[in-house]
Amino acid sequence: MAKNIDPVCGMKVSDASFTSNYGGKTYYFCCGHCKQTFDQNPIKYTR
């Protein structure tokens, strides 16, 4: 069961293969591309 939402694409994410930490919070991603996109500009996806 998916518990997290990928902040880049909005997909429900149940696997924690791709994560990033920003502002004391862990963000989960559906794929490496979404993680890379987030890492390049995390402020855009955390507002």
C-alpha atoms as a PDB file:
ATOM      1  CA  MET A   1       0.000   0.000   0.000  1.00  0.00           C
ATOM      2  CA  ALA A   2       1.416   3.389  -1.013  1.00  0.00           C
ATOM      3  CA  LYS A   3       2.012   5.760   1.869  1.00  0.00           C
ATOM      4  CA  ASN A   4       3.945   8.578   0.235  1.00  0.00           C
ATOM      5  CA  ILE A   5       3.475  10.893  -2.724  1.00  0.00           C
ATOM      6  CA  ASP A   6       6.326  11.710  -5.114  1.00  0.00           C
ATOM      7  CA  PRO A   7       6.515  15.536  -4.907  1.00  0.00           C
ATOM      8  CA  VAL A   8       7.700  15.824  -8.524  1.00  0.00           C
ATOM      9  CA  CYS A   9       5.152  13.742 -10.452  1.00  0.00           C
ATOM     10  CA  GLY A  10       2.456  13.150  -7.808  1.00  0.00           C
ATOM     11  CA  MET A  11       2.618   9.356  -8.073  1.00  0.00           C
ATOM     12  CA  LYS A  12       1.853   7.271  -4.986  1.00  0.00           C
ATOM     13  CA  VAL A  13       5.072   5.634  -3.779  1.00  0.00           C
ATOM     14  CA  SER A  14       5.304   2.524  -1.622  1.00  0.00           C
ATOM     15  CA  ASP A  15       8.947   1.614  -2.287  1.00  0.00           C
ATOM     16  CA  ALA A  16      11.697   3.640  -0.631  1.00  0.00           C
ATOM     17  CA  SER A  17      14.347   2.966  -3.291  1.00  0.00           C
ATOM     18  CA  PHE A  18      14.670   6.661  -4.131  1.00  0.00           C
ATOM     19  CA  THR A  19      14.731   9.174  -1.283  1.00  0.00           C
ATOM     20  CA  SER A  20      16.113  12.625  -0.524  1.00  0.00           C
ATOM     21  CA  ASN A  21      16.310  14.542   2.714  1.00  0.00           C
ATOM     22  CA  TYR A  22      15.538  18.242   2.691  1.00  0.00           C
ATOM     23  CA  GLY A  23      14.642  20.587   5.521  1.00  0.00           C
ATOM     24  CA  GLY A  24      14.639  17.761   8.052  1.00  0.00           C
ATOM     25  CA  LYS A  25      12.083  15.735   6.077  1.00  0.00           C
ATOM     26  CA  THR A  26      12.475  12.646   3.899  1.00  0.00           C
ATOM     27  CA  TYR A  27      10.917  12.749   0.428  1.00  0.00           C
ATOM     28  CA  TYR A  28      10.162   9.604  -1.587  1.00  0.00           C
ATOM     29  CA  PHE A  29      10.298   9.224  -5.367  1.00  0.00           C
ATOM     30  CA  CYS A  30       8.994   6.786  -7.953  1.00  0.00           C
ATOM     31  CA  CYS A  31      12.243   6.794  -9.963  1.00  0.00           C
ATOM     32  CA  GLY A  32      15.750   8.187 -10.161  1.00  0.00           C
ATOM     33  CA  HIS A  33      14.686  10.854 -12.640  1.00  0.00           C
ATOM     34  CA  CYS A  34      12.173  12.374 -10.210  1.00  0.00           C
ATOM     35  CA  LYS A  35      14.762  12.260  -7.413  1.00  0.00           C
ATOM     36  CA  GLN A  36      17.332  14.013  -9.601  1.00  0.00           C
ATOM     37  CA  THR A  37      14.781  16.652 -10.631  1.00  0.00           C
ATOM     38  CA  PHE A  38      13.933  17.295  -6.966  1.00  0.00           C
ATOM     39  CA  ASP A  39      17.595  17.432  -5.915  1.00  0.00           C
ATOM     40  CA  GLN A  40      18.306  20.111  -8.528  1.00  0.00           C
ATOM     41  CA  ASN A  41      15.615  22.453  -7.132  1.00  0.00           C
ATOM     42  CA  PRO A  42      14.012  21.183  -3.895  1.00  0.00           C
ATOM     43  CA  ILE A  43      12.432  24.540  -3.035  1.00  0.00           C
ATOM     44  CA  LYS A  44      10.206  24.269  -6.120  1.00  0.00           C
ATOM     45  CA  TYR A  45       8.704  20.993  -4.831  1.00  0.00           C
ATOM     46  CA  THR A  46       8.447  21.768  -1.107  1.00  0.00           C
ATOM     47  CA  ARG A  47       6.306  24.916  -1.151  1.00  0.00           C
END
